[in-house]
C-alpha atoms as a PDB file:
ATOM      1  CA  MET A   1     -18.200  19.713 -19.491  1.00  0.00           C
ATOM      2  CA  GLY A   2     -14.954  17.913 -20.346  1.00  0.00           C
ATOM      3  CA  LYS A   3     -13.982  14.369 -19.435  1.00  0.00           C
ATOM      4  CA  TYR A   4     -14.908  12.999 -16.040  1.00  0.00           C
ATOM      5  CA  ALA A   5     -14.636   9.923 -13.823  1.00  0.00           C
ATOM      6  CA  LYS A   6     -15.284   8.946 -10.210  1.00  0.00           C
ATOM      7  CA  VAL A   7     -13.442   5.926  -8.787  1.00  0.00           C
ATOM      8  CA  ILE A   8     -13.058   4.077  -5.501  1.00  0.00           C
ATOM      9  CA  ALA A   9      -9.802   2.270  -4.734  1.00  0.00           C
ATOM     10  CA  THR A  10      -8.600   0.520  -1.601  1.00  0.00           C
ATOM     11  CA  PRO A  11      -5.231   0.193   0.141  1.00  0.00           C
ATOM     12  CA  ASN A  12      -3.083  -2.889   0.052  1.00  0.00           C
ATOM     13  CA  ILE A  13      -1.035  -4.259   2.904  1.00  0.00           C
ATOM     14  CA  ALA A  14       2.237  -5.917   1.987  1.00  0.00           C
ATOM     15  CA  VAL A  15       3.158  -9.216   3.601  1.00  0.00           C
ATOM     16  CA  ILE A  16       6.583  -9.053   1.957  1.00  0.00           C
ATOM     17  CA  LYS A  17       7.565  -5.429   2.259  1.00  0.00           C
ATOM     18  CA  TYR A  18       8.954  -2.820  -0.103  1.00  0.00           C
ATOM     19  CA  TRP A  19      11.354  -0.478   1.654  1.00  0.00           C
ATOM     20  CA  GLY A  20      13.954   1.314  -0.437  1.00  0.00           C
ATOM     21  CA  LYS A  21      14.294   2.566  -4.004  1.00  0.00           C
ATOM     22  CA  ARG A  22      16.912   2.074  -6.699  1.00  0.00           C
ATOM     23  CA  ASN A  23      15.561   5.068  -8.612  1.00  0.00           C
ATOM     24  CA  GLU A  24      13.797   7.843  -6.708  1.00  0.00           C
ATOM     25  CA  LYS A  25      12.392   9.701  -9.726  1.00  0.00           C
ATOM     26  CA  LEU A  26      10.792   6.631 -11.310  1.00  0.00           C
ATOM     27  CA  MET A  27       9.933   5.073  -7.931  1.00  0.00           C
ATOM     28  CA  LEU A  28      11.738   1.822  -8.737  1.00  0.00           C
ATOM     29  CA  PRO A  29      12.135  -0.516  -5.747  1.00  0.00           C
ATOM     30  CA  THR A  30      15.213  -2.343  -4.505  1.00  0.00           C
ATOM     31  CA  ASN A  31      13.191  -5.547  -4.122  1.00  0.00           C
ATOM     32  CA  SER A  32       9.944  -7.130  -5.264  1.00  0.00           C
ATOM     33  CA  SER A  33       7.035  -7.170  -2.821  1.00  0.00           C
ATOM     34  CA  LEU A  34       3.731  -8.989  -2.222  1.00  0.00           C
ATOM     35  CA  SER A  35       0.462  -7.702  -0.844  1.00  0.00           C
ATOM     36  CA  PHE A  36      -3.242  -8.240  -0.385  1.00  0.00           C
ATOM     37  CA  THR A  37      -5.595  -5.542  -1.606  1.00  0.00           C
ATOM     38  CA  MET A  38      -8.182  -4.824   1.075  1.00  0.00           C
ATOM     39  CA  ASP A  39     -11.927  -4.471   0.740  1.00  0.00           C
ATOM     40  CA  GLU A  40     -13.811  -1.185   0.973  1.00  0.00           C
ATOM     41  CA  THR A  41     -13.696  -1.037   4.760  1.00  0.00           C
ATOM     42  CA  LEU A  42     -10.825   1.362   3.970  1.00  0.00           C
ATOM     43  CA  LYS A  43     -11.205   3.288   0.725  1.00  0.00           C
ATOM     44  CA  THR A  44     -10.297   6.402  -1.225  1.00  0.00           C
ATOM     45  CA  GLN A  45     -12.835   8.070  -3.519  1.00  0.00           C
ATOM     46  CA  THR A  46     -11.418  10.225  -6.290  1.00  0.00           C
ATOM     47  CA  GLU A  47     -13.115  12.407  -8.894  1.00  0.00           C
ATOM     48  CA  ILE A  48     -11.247  13.850 -11.869  1.00  0.00           C
ATOM     49  CA  GLN A  49     -12.454  16.432 -14.363  1.00  0.00           C
ATOM     50  CA  PHE A  50     -10.427  17.351 -17.447  1.00  0.00           C
ATOM     51  CA  ASP A  51     -11.699  20.665 -18.767  1.00  0.00           C
ATOM     52  CA  ALA A  52     -10.295  23.181 -21.266  1.00  0.00           C
ATOM     53  CA  ALA A  53     -11.690  25.992 -19.124  1.00  0.00           C
ATOM     54  CA  LEU A  54      -9.307  25.134 -16.274  1.00  0.00           C
ATOM     55  CA  LYS A  55      -6.118  27.203 -16.093  1.00  0.00           C
ATOM     56  CA  GLU A  56      -4.096  24.794 -13.944  1.00  0.00           C
ATOM     57  CA  ASP A  57      -4.120  21.305 -12.448  1.00  0.00           C
ATOM     58  CA  SER A  58      -5.399  21.088  -8.895  1.00  0.00           C
ATOM     59  CA  LEU A  59      -5.938  18.541  -6.133  1.00  0.00           C
ATOM     60  CA  ILE A  60      -8.215  18.871  -3.141  1.00  0.00           C
ATOM     61  CA  LEU A  61      -7.544  16.072  -0.645  1.00  0.00           C
ATOM     62  CA  ASP A  62      -9.869  15.700   2.325  1.00  0.00           C
ATOM     63  CA  GLY A  63     -11.076  19.272   1.810  1.00  0.00           C
ATOM     64  CA  THR A  64      -7.619  20.878   1.578  1.00  0.00           C
ATOM     65  CA  ARG A  65      -6.003  22.079  -1.635  1.00  0.00           C
ATOM     66  CA  LEU A  66      -2.488  20.668  -1.917  1.00  0.00           C
ATOM     67  CA  ALA A  67       0.466  22.520  -3.407  1.00  0.00           C
ATOM     68  CA  GLY A  68       4.244  22.361  -3.520  1.00  0.00           C
ATOM     69  CA  LYS A  69       5.797  19.080  -2.425  1.00  0.00           C
ATOM     70  CA  GLU A  70       2.430  17.593  -1.552  1.00  0.00           C
ATOM     71  CA  PHE A  71       1.336  18.028  -5.169  1.00  0.00           C
ATOM     72  CA  GLU A  72       4.525  16.698  -6.790  1.00  0.00           C
ATOM     73  CA  GLY A  73       3.333  13.099  -7.129  1.00  0.00           C
ATOM     74  CA  VAL A  74       0.116  14.104  -8.875  1.00  0.00           C
ATOM     75  CA  ALA A  75       2.027  16.497 -11.148  1.00  0.00           C
ATOM     76  CA  LYS A  76       4.416  13.667 -12.072  1.00  0.00           C
ATOM     77  CA  VAL A  77       1.528  11.318 -12.916  1.00  0.00           C
ATOM     78  CA  LEU A  78      -0.238  13.905 -15.086  1.00  0.00           C
ATOM     79  CA  ALA A  79       3.006  14.820 -16.877  1.00  0.00           C
ATOM     80  CA  TYR A  80       3.664  11.153 -17.687  1.00  0.00           C
ATOM     81  CA  VAL A  81       0.160  10.649 -19.069  1.00  0.00           C
ATOM     82  CA  ARG A  82       0.380  13.785 -21.229  1.00  0.00           C
ATOM     83  CA  GLU A  83       3.794  12.887 -22.591  1.00  0.00           C
ATOM     84  CA  LYS A  84       2.827   9.304 -23.435  1.00  0.00           C
ATOM     85  CA  TYR A  85      -0.800   9.649 -24.525  1.00  0.00           C
ATOM     86  CA  GLY A  86      -1.011  13.199 -25.819  1.00  0.00           C
ATOM     87  CA  GLN A  87      -1.830  16.582 -24.369  1.00  0.00           C
ATOM     88  CA  THR A  88      -4.990  16.807 -22.326  1.00  0.00           C
ATOM     89  CA  PRO A  89      -6.790  19.763 -20.718  1.00  0.00           C
ATOM     90  CA  LYS A  90      -5.941  20.717 -17.157  1.00  0.00           C
ATOM     91  CA  ALA A  91      -7.396  18.511 -14.453  1.00  0.00           C
ATOM     92  CA  LYS A  92      -9.371  19.198 -11.291  1.00  0.00           C
ATOM     93  CA  ILE A  93      -9.003  16.312  -8.829  1.00  0.00           C
ATOM     94  CA  THR A  94     -11.015  15.884  -5.663  1.00  0.00           C
ATOM     95  CA  SER A  95     -10.092  13.004  -3.381  1.00  0.00           C
ATOM     96  CA  LYS A  96     -11.241  11.803   0.027  1.00  0.00           C
ATOM     97  CA  ASN A  97      -9.722   9.129   2.236  1.00  0.00           C
ATOM     98  CA  HIS A  98     -12.320   7.323   4.325  1.00  0.00           C
ATOM     99  CA  PHE A  99      -9.637   6.488   6.909  1.00  0.00           C
ATOM    100  CA  PRO A 100      -6.613   8.326   8.423  1.00  0.00           C
ATOM    101  CA  THR A 101      -4.144   9.759   5.897  1.00  0.00           C
ATOM    102  CA  ALA A 102      -0.364   9.114   6.171  1.00  0.00           C
ATOM    103  CA  ALA A 103      -0.748   7.055   9.360  1.00  0.00           C
ATOM    104  CA  GLY A 104       0.695   3.787   8.095  1.00  0.00           C
ATOM    105  CA  LEU A 105      -2.594   2.584   6.587  1.00  0.00           C
ATOM    106  CA  ALA A 106      -1.442   2.889   2.958  1.00  0.00           C
ATOM    107  CA  SER A 107      -3.542   5.924   2.031  1.00  0.00           C
ATOM    108  CA  SER A 108      -1.073   6.819  -0.731  1.00  0.00           C
ATOM    109  CA  ALA A 109      -1.562   3.368  -2.268  1.00  0.00           C
ATOM    110  CA  SER A 110      -5.322   3.716  -2.567  1.00  0.00           C
ATOM    111  CA  GLY A 111      -5.029   7.387  -3.521  1.00  0.00           C
ATOM    112  CA  TYR A 112      -2.717   6.976  -6.482  1.00  0.00           C
ATOM    113  CA  ALA A 113      -4.403   3.772  -7.648  1.00  0.00           C
ATOM    114  CA  ALA A 114      -7.690   5.691  -7.689  1.00  0.00           C
ATOM    115  CA  LEU A 115      -5.990   8.498  -9.615  1.00  0.00           C
ATOM    116  CA  ALA A 116      -4.547   6.150 -12.252  1.00  0.00           C
ATOM    117  CA  VAL A 117      -7.847   4.350 -12.784  1.00  0.00           C
ATOM    118  CA  SER A 118      -9.831   7.609 -12.885  1.00  0.00           C
ATOM    119  CA  ILE A 119      -7.488   9.079 -15.514  1.00  0.00           C
ATOM    120  CA  ASN A 120      -7.840   5.928 -17.591  1.00  0.00           C
ATOM    121  CA  ALA A 121     -11.639   6.022 -17.337  1.00  0.00           C
ATOM    122  CA  ALA A 122     -12.032   9.760 -17.965  1.00  0.00           C
ATOM    123  CA  LEU A 123      -9.720   9.804 -20.989  1.00  0.00           C
ATOM    124  CA  LYS A 124     -10.936   6.421 -22.274  1.00  0.00           C
ATOM    125  CA  LEU A 125      -7.352   5.203 -22.684  1.00  0.00           C
ATOM    126  CA  ASP A 126      -8.269   1.508 -22.244  1.00  0.00           C
ATOM    127  CA  LEU A 127      -4.996   0.710 -20.461  1.00  0.00           C
ATOM    128  CA  ASP A 128      -4.211  -2.715 -19.023  1.00  0.00           C
ATOM    129  CA  GLY A 129      -3.240  -3.412 -15.431  1.00  0.00           C
ATOM    130  CA  SER A 130       0.495  -3.300 -16.135  1.00  0.00           C
ATOM    131  CA  GLU A 131       0.339   0.233 -17.506  1.00  0.00           C
ATOM    132  CA  LEU A 132      -2.031   1.360 -14.756  1.00  0.00           C
ATOM    133  CA  SER A 133       0.445   0.028 -12.195  1.00  0.00           C
ATOM    134  CA  ILE A 134       3.244   2.092 -13.787  1.00  0.00           C
ATOM    135  CA  ILE A 135       1.133   5.257 -13.677  1.00  0.00           C
ATOM    136  CA  ALA A 136       0.143   4.656 -10.040  1.00  0.00           C
ATOM    137  CA  ARG A 137       3.742   3.793  -9.118  1.00  0.00           C
ATOM    138  CA  LEU A 138       4.958   7.224 -10.194  1.00  0.00           C
ATOM    139  CA  GLY A 139       2.916   8.750  -7.386  1.00  0.00           C
ATOM    140  CA  SER A 140       3.537   6.085  -4.745  1.00  0.00           C
ATOM    141  CA  GLY A 141       5.385   2.820  -5.179  1.00  0.00           C
ATOM    142  CA  SER A 142       2.940   0.698  -3.224  1.00  0.00           C
ATOM    143  CA  ALA A 143       0.042   2.142  -5.259  1.00  0.00           C
ATOM    144  CA  SER A 144       1.146  -0.039  -8.158  1.00  0.00           C
ATOM    145  CA  ARG A 145      -0.250  -3.047  -6.285  1.00  0.00           C
ATOM    146  CA  SER A 146      -3.654  -1.460  -5.555  1.00  0.00           C
ATOM    147  CA  VAL A 147      -4.677  -1.315  -9.224  1.00  0.00           C
ATOM    148  CA  TYR A 148      -5.532  -5.020  -8.813  1.00  0.00           C
ATOM    149  CA  GLY A 149      -7.652  -6.879  -6.320  1.00  0.00           C
ATOM    150  CA  GLY A 150      -6.582 -10.085  -4.623  1.00  0.00           C
ATOM    151  CA  PHE A 151      -2.970 -11.077  -4.008  1.00  0.00           C
ATOM    152  CA  VAL A 152      -0.471  -8.979  -5.970  1.00  0.00           C
ATOM    153  CA  GLU A 153       3.252  -8.954  -6.690  1.00  0.00           C
ATOM    154  CA  TRP A 154       5.064  -5.746  -7.541  1.00  0.00           C
ATOM    155  CA  GLN A 155       7.988  -6.972  -9.606  1.00  0.00           C
ATOM    156  CA  LYS A 156      11.085  -4.855  -9.036  1.00  0.00           C
ATOM    157  CA  GLY A 157      12.235  -5.119 -12.645  1.00  0.00           C
ATOM    158  CA  SER A 158      15.744  -4.470 -13.913  1.00  0.00           C
ATOM    159  CA  LYS A 159      15.377  -1.973 -16.760  1.00  0.00           C
ATOM    160  CA  GLN A 160      16.572   1.553 -16.153  1.00  0.00           C
ATOM    161  CA  ASP A 161      13.418   3.082 -17.610  1.00  0.00           C
ATOM    162  CA  GLY A 162      11.187   1.142 -15.207  1.00  0.00           C
ATOM    163  CA  SER A 163       9.084  -0.421 -17.955  1.00  0.00           C
ATOM    164  CA  ASP A 164       9.334  -3.867 -16.336  1.00  0.00           C
ATOM    165  CA  SER A 165       8.666  -2.671 -12.774  1.00  0.00           C
ATOM    166  CA  ILE A 166       4.996  -3.598 -12.801  1.00  0.00           C
ATOM    167  CA  ALA A 167       2.338  -5.183 -10.638  1.00  0.00           C
ATOM    168  CA  VAL A 168       0.975  -8.650 -11.435  1.00  0.00           C
ATOM    169  CA  GLN A 169      -2.039 -10.333  -9.880  1.00  0.00           C
ATOM    170  CA  ILE A 170      -0.990 -13.708  -8.448  1.00  0.00           C
ATOM    171  CA  ALA A 171      -4.466 -14.750  -7.259  1.00  0.00           C
ATOM    172  CA  ASN A 172      -7.818 -12.973  -7.258  1.00  0.00           C
ATOM    173  CA  GLU A 173      -9.984 -12.010  -4.296  1.00  0.00           C
ATOM    174  CA  ASN A 174     -11.752 -15.377  -4.319  1.00  0.00           C
ATOM    175  CA  HIS A 175      -8.594 -17.458  -3.872  1.00  0.00           C
ATOM    176  CA  TRP A 176      -8.523 -17.372  -0.054  1.00  0.00           C
ATOM    177  CA  PRO A 177     -12.047 -16.367   1.028  1.00  0.00           C
ATOM    178  CA  LYS A 178     -11.496 -17.120   4.728  1.00  0.00           C
ATOM    179  CA  LEU A 179      -8.466 -14.840   5.103  1.00  0.00           C
ATOM    180  CA  ARG A 180      -9.009 -11.697   7.185  1.00  0.00           C
ATOM    181  CA  ASN A 181      -6.960  -8.646   8.135  1.00  0.00           C
ATOM    182  CA  VAL A 182      -7.871  -7.457  11.636  1.00  0.00           C
ATOM    183  CA  ILE A 183      -6.598  -3.884  11.915  1.00  0.00           C
ATOM    184  CA  ALA A 184      -5.769  -2.319  15.257  1.00  0.00           C
ATOM    185  CA  ILE A 185      -5.784   1.480  15.059  1.00  0.00           C
ATOM    186  CA  VAL A 186      -3.480   2.770  17.767  1.00  0.00           C
ATOM    187  CA  ASP A 187      -2.549   6.186  16.353  1.00  0.00           C
ATOM    188  CA  GLN A 188      -4.285   8.246  13.667  1.00  0.00           C
ATOM    189  CA  GLU A 189      -1.695  11.037  13.562  1.00  0.00           C
ATOM    190  CA  LYS A 190       0.378  11.741  10.470  1.00  0.00           C
ATOM    191  CA  LYS A 191       3.778  10.103  10.853  1.00  0.00           C
ATOM    192  CA  LYS A 192       6.729  12.377  11.611  1.00  0.00           C
ATOM    193  CA  VAL A 193       9.077  10.725   9.112  1.00  0.00           C
ATOM    194  CA  SER A 194       7.517  10.115   5.696  1.00  0.00           C
ATOM    195  CA  SER A 195       8.010   6.735   4.078  1.00  0.00           C
ATOM    196  CA  ARG A 196       9.903   8.359   1.204  1.00  0.00           C
ATOM    197  CA  ALA A 197      12.367  10.135   3.496  1.00  0.00           C
ATOM    198  CA  GLY A 198      12.741   7.093   5.717  1.00  0.00           C
ATOM    199  CA  MET A 199      13.498   4.784   2.807  1.00  0.00           C
ATOM    200  CA  ALA A 200      16.220   7.070   1.451  1.00  0.00           C
ATOM    201  CA  GLU A 201      17.915   7.247   4.860  1.00  0.00           C
ATOM    202  CA  THR A 202      17.739   3.460   5.323  1.00  0.00           C
ATOM    203  CA  VAL A 203      19.218   2.729   1.884  1.00  0.00           C
ATOM    204  CA  ALA A 204      22.033   5.199   2.540  1.00  0.00           C
ATOM    205  CA  THR A 205      23.005   4.201   6.084  1.00  0.00           C
ATOM    206  CA  SER A 206      21.743   0.767   7.182  1.00  0.00           C
ATOM    207  CA  LYS A 207      24.099  -2.212   7.006  1.00  0.00           C
ATOM    208  CA  LEU A 208      21.232  -4.518   7.937  1.00  0.00           C
ATOM    209  CA  PHE A 209      19.293  -3.302   4.907  1.00  0.00           C
ATOM    210  CA  LYS A 210      22.038  -4.541   2.580  1.00  0.00           C
ATOM    211  CA  GLU A 211      21.802  -7.970   4.227  1.00  0.00           C
ATOM    212  CA  ARG A 212      17.995  -7.891   3.860  1.00  0.00           C
ATOM    213  CA  LEU A 213      18.257  -7.539   0.093  1.00  0.00           C
ATOM    214  CA  GLU A 214      20.214 -10.797  -0.158  1.00  0.00           C
ATOM    215  CA  PHE A 215      17.155 -12.768   1.021  1.00  0.00           C
ATOM    216  CA  MET A 216      14.294 -10.909  -0.633  1.00  0.00           C
ATOM    217  CA  ASP A 217      13.977 -12.819  -3.914  1.00  0.00           C
ATOM    218  CA  GLN A 218      13.866 -16.119  -2.021  1.00  0.00           C
ATOM    219  CA  ARG A 219      11.420 -14.683   0.509  1.00  0.00           C
ATOM    220  CA  VAL A 220       9.043 -13.488  -2.228  1.00  0.00           C
ATOM    221  CA  GLU A 221       8.977 -16.914  -3.870  1.00  0.00           C
ATOM    222  CA  LYS A 222       8.317 -18.634  -0.537  1.00  0.00           C
ATOM    223  CA  MET A 223       5.436 -16.313   0.245  1.00  0.00           C
ATOM    224  CA  LYS A 224       3.852 -16.819  -3.162  1.00  0.00           C
ATOM    225  CA  LYS A 225       3.887 -20.567  -2.566  1.00  0.00           C
ATOM    226  CA  HIS A 226       2.399 -20.241   0.933  1.00  0.00           C
ATOM    227  CA  VAL A 227      -0.450 -18.107  -0.394  1.00  0.00           C
ATOM    228  CA  LEU A 228      -1.169 -20.280  -3.410  1.00  0.00           C
ATOM    229  CA  ASP A 229      -1.157 -23.344  -1.127  1.00  0.00           C
ATOM    230  CA  ARG A 230      -3.268 -21.478   1.463  1.00  0.00           C
ATOM    231  CA  ASP A 231      -0.700 -22.597   4.058  1.00  0.00           C
ATOM    232  CA  PHE A 232      -1.685 -20.189   6.817  1.00  0.00           C
ATOM    233  CA  GLU A 233       0.931 -21.131   9.419  1.00  0.00           C
ATOM    234  CA  SER A 234       3.853 -20.682   7.014  1.00  0.00           C
ATOM    235  CA  PHE A 235       2.271 -17.526   5.599  1.00  0.00           C
ATOM    236  CA  ALA A 236       1.752 -15.907   9.005  1.00  0.00           C
ATOM    237  CA  ASN A 237       5.234 -16.726  10.296  1.00  0.00           C
ATOM    238  CA  LEU A 238       6.937 -15.410   7.167  1.00  0.00           C
ATOM    239  CA  ALA A 239       4.852 -12.212   7.252  1.00  0.00           C
ATOM    240  CA  MET A 240       5.972 -11.554  10.831  1.00  0.00           C
ATOM    241  CA  LEU A 241       9.592 -12.333  10.016  1.00  0.00           C
ATOM    242  CA  ASP A 242       9.603  -9.877   7.120  1.00  0.00           C
ATOM    243  CA  SER A 243       7.850  -7.151   9.110  1.00  0.00           C
ATOM    244  CA  ASP A 244      10.326  -7.545  11.982  1.00  0.00           C
ATOM    245  CA  ASN A 245      13.226  -7.482   9.530  1.00  0.00           C
ATOM    246  CA  MET A 246      12.057  -4.283   7.841  1.00  0.00           C
ATOM    247  CA  HIS A 247      11.548  -2.469  11.141  1.00  0.00           C
ATOM    248  CA  ALA A 248      14.964  -3.678  12.317  1.00  0.00           C
ATOM    249  CA  CYS A 249      16.452  -2.025   9.212  1.00  0.00           C
ATOM    250  CA  MET A 250      14.647   1.186  10.135  1.00  0.00           C
ATOM    251  CA  ALA A 251      16.105   1.004  13.646  1.00  0.00           C
ATOM    252  CA  ASP A 252      19.537   0.409  12.102  1.00  0.00           C
ATOM    253  CA  THR A 253      19.205   3.634  10.101  1.00  0.00           C
ATOM    254  CA  THR A 254      21.105   6.812  10.992  1.00  0.00           C
ATOM    255  CA  PRO A 255      19.331   8.698  12.458  1.00  0.00           C
ATOM    256  CA  ARG A 256      17.259   5.855  13.900  1.00  0.00           C
ATOM    257  CA  ILE A 257      13.713   5.526  12.539  1.00  0.00           C
ATOM    258  CA  VAL A 258      11.023   4.128  14.822  1.00  0.00           C
ATOM    259  CA  TYR A 259       7.441   3.872  13.607  1.00  0.00           C
ATOM    260  CA  LEU A 260       6.233   1.367  16.203  1.00  0.00           C
ATOM    261  CA  ASN A 261       5.136   2.499  19.665  1.00  0.00           C
ATOM    262  CA  ASP A 262       4.567   0.746  22.990  1.00  0.00           C
ATOM    263  CA  VAL A 263       1.061  -0.326  21.978  1.00  0.00           C
ATOM    264  CA  SER A 264       2.419  -1.829  18.760  1.00  0.00           C
ATOM    265  CA  ARG A 265       4.960  -3.818  20.738  1.00  0.00           C
ATOM    266  CA  LYS A 266       2.318  -4.988  23.203  1.00  0.00           C
ATOM    267  CA  ILE A 267       0.256  -6.286  20.257  1.00  0.00           C
ATOM    268  CA  MET A 268       3.291  -8.157  18.921  1.00  0.00           C
ATOM    269  CA  THR A 269       3.896  -9.763  22.310  1.00  0.00           C
ATOM    270  CA  ASN A 270       0.255 -10.794  22.631  1.00  0.00           C
ATOM    271  CA  VAL A 271       0.217 -12.293  19.149  1.00  0.00           C
ATOM    272  CA  ARG A 272       3.230 -14.425  20.075  1.00  0.00           C
ATOM    273  CA  SER A 273       1.404 -15.606  23.200  1.00  0.00           C
ATOM    274  CA  LEU A 274      -1.756 -16.320  21.220  1.00  0.00           C
ATOM    275  CA  ASN A 275       0.297 -18.449  18.821  1.00  0.00           C
ATOM    276  CA  ASP A 276       1.942 -20.442  21.616  1.00  0.00           C
ATOM    277  CA  LYS A 277       0.189 -23.723  20.799  1.00  0.00           C
ATOM    278  CA  GLU A 278      -1.010 -23.053  17.268  1.00  0.00           C
ATOM    279  CA  THR A 279      -0.319 -20.256  14.777  1.00  0.00           C
ATOM    280  CA  ILE A 280      -3.656 -18.501  14.403  1.00  0.00           C
ATOM    281  CA  CYS A 281      -2.459 -14.975  13.663  1.00  0.00           C
ATOM    282  CA  GLY A 282       0.395 -13.130  11.970  1.00  0.00           C
ATOM    283  CA  TYR A 283       1.154  -9.434  12.428  1.00  0.00           C
ATOM    284  CA  THR A 284       2.611  -7.031   9.913  1.00  0.00           C
ATOM    285  CA  PHE A 285       3.300  -3.304  10.303  1.00  0.00           C
ATOM    286  CA  ASP A 286       3.833  -0.783   7.551  1.00  0.00           C
ATOM    287  CA  ALA A 287       5.520   2.575   8.225  1.00  0.00           C
ATOM    288  CA  GLY A 288       3.331   3.344  11.213  1.00  0.00           C
ATOM    289  CA  PRO A 289       2.241   1.927  14.570  1.00  0.00           C
ATOM    290  CA  ASN A 290      -1.094   0.484  13.443  1.00  0.00           C
ATOM    291  CA  ALA A 291      -1.178  -3.313  13.379  1.00  0.00           C
ATOM    292  CA  HIS A 292      -2.449  -5.540  10.592  1.00  0.00           C
ATOM    293  CA  LEU A 293      -3.185  -8.979  11.986  1.00  0.00           C
ATOM    294  CA  TYR A 294      -3.817 -11.625   9.358  1.00  0.00           C
ATOM    295  CA  THR A 295      -5.912 -14.543  10.494  1.00  0.00           C
ATOM    296  CA  LEU A 296      -8.644 -16.903   9.309  1.00  0.00           C
ATOM    297  CA  GLU A 297     -12.323 -16.047   9.667  1.00  0.00           C
ATOM    298  CA  LYS A 298     -12.929 -18.536  12.493  1.00  0.00           C
ATOM    299  CA  ASN A 299     -10.238 -16.883  14.634  1.00  0.00           C
ATOM    300  CA  VAL A 300     -11.400 -13.269  14.246  1.00  0.00           C
ATOM    301  CA  PRO A 301     -13.341 -13.218  17.581  1.00  0.00           C
ATOM    302  CA  ALA A 302     -10.244 -14.365  19.492  1.00  0.00           C
ATOM    303  CA  ILE A 303      -8.120 -11.665  17.843  1.00  0.00           C
ATOM    304  CA  GLN A 304     -10.725  -9.001  18.576  1.00  0.00           C
ATOM    305  CA  LYS A 305     -10.931 -10.117  22.215  1.00  0.00           C
ATOM    306  CA  MET A 306      -7.157  -9.987  22.585  1.00  0.00           C
ATOM    307  CA  LEU A 307      -6.945  -6.493  21.060  1.00  0.00           C
ATOM    308  CA  SER A 308      -9.857  -5.150  23.124  1.00  0.00           C
ATOM    309  CA  LYS A 309      -7.890  -5.798  26.307  1.00  0.00           C
ATOM    310  CA  ILE A 310      -4.883  -3.726  25.205  1.00  0.00           C
ATOM    311  CA  ALA A 311      -4.888  -0.141  26.449  1.00  0.00           C
ATOM    312  CA  GLY A 312      -4.227   2.187  23.544  1.00  0.00           C
ATOM    313  CA  VAL A 313      -6.071   0.238  20.841  1.00  0.00           C
ATOM    314  CA  ARG A 314      -8.573   2.865  19.698  1.00  0.00           C
ATOM    315  CA  GLU A 315     -10.461   1.006  17.014  1.00  0.00           C
ATOM    316  CA  ILE A 316     -10.614  -2.488  15.535  1.00  0.00           C
ATOM    317  CA  LEU A 317     -11.520  -3.050  11.881  1.00  0.00           C
ATOM    318  CA  VAL A 318     -11.902  -6.325   9.998  1.00  0.00           C
ATOM    319  CA  CYS A 319     -11.135  -6.498   6.267  1.00  0.00           C
ATOM    320  CA  LYS A 320     -11.552  -9.203   3.694  1.00  0.00           C
ATOM    321  CA  VAL A 321      -9.432  -9.429   0.560  1.00  0.00           C
ATOM    322  CA  GLY A 322     -10.809  -6.846  -1.883  1.00  0.00           C
ATOM    323  CA  ASN A 323     -11.505  -6.893  -5.601  1.00  0.00           C
ATOM    324  CA  GLY A 324      -9.615  -3.742  -6.534  1.00  0.00           C
ATOM    325  CA  PRO A 325     -10.659  -0.328  -7.937  1.00  0.00           C
ATOM    326  CA  ARG A 326     -14.251   0.325  -8.922  1.00  0.00           C
ATOM    327  CA  ILE A 327     -15.474   2.929 -11.413  1.00  0.00           C
ATOM    328  CA  LEU A 328     -18.564   4.702 -10.057  1.00  0.00           C
ATOM    329  CA  GLU A 329     -19.114   7.192 -12.861  1.00  0.00           C
ATOM    330  CA  LYS A 330     -17.500   8.290 -16.112  1.00  0.00           C
ATOM    331  CA  GLY A 331     -18.433  10.604 -18.914  1.00  0.00           C
END
């Protein structure tokens, strides 16, 4: 039968963003980042089977077998595990995203976190979170943060081999129980410019990006303090500032990269209006047009009402802070 595991992992949404790599092969970032792992409202379920009878590694994602470039990240993860922990049989991987793939909802983060945790469980490697974050990172940088629940920092590190570019849990899922992420789905289509391609172009051509890096260490430390203090107003305003700054760097890229659409911009305008007297909401956008609106539980109805009046908002989801990957089966 071989070695087997089934795992659920969830995306994370960064409130201090990662955009740009210092090493493409090892997926090492130009700056540290901070995120909240979401609950299982959005989730990826992954099964892995290592079996000597298999002739090659394979991945079926959402019913489609992936090959070529789409399989490169998985191949890199499996190669790393085999080199570091010994040869293993070939692997059959079946994965399903219970939300749109590659639409700016961090499907790669949950996908590769699920893969790392399922490998660990199936092979009984007993790896800690730091090593799991390295394995997940090789497939997708942001996946390093989804191996933990709660509030997580992905430390950029400085070593050339990437051994200190790891994720660290700053606070668990119980730290801020009233925090919510209200998600506005405005487009479920796969984005035209992948995050990986977009990052490389921004690093190479954007002057604003170079200025961004000068502030990132300070910004990360400020955000950690706001979260640990549960200072919502400061947290929300800094999240919006960082999101705006990252998307400005994308717009400053040659050729120009635009992930936001008119509905996204309408949401941003309405959030500003909603916050006119008191900051009750903070938006953040990843590499896609779908909005993540952080707020407190008591304000969720007001956010939902505001979003429901915007033409183009197709679906509204509400997430709590999640507790990270969950092993369903292993053997």
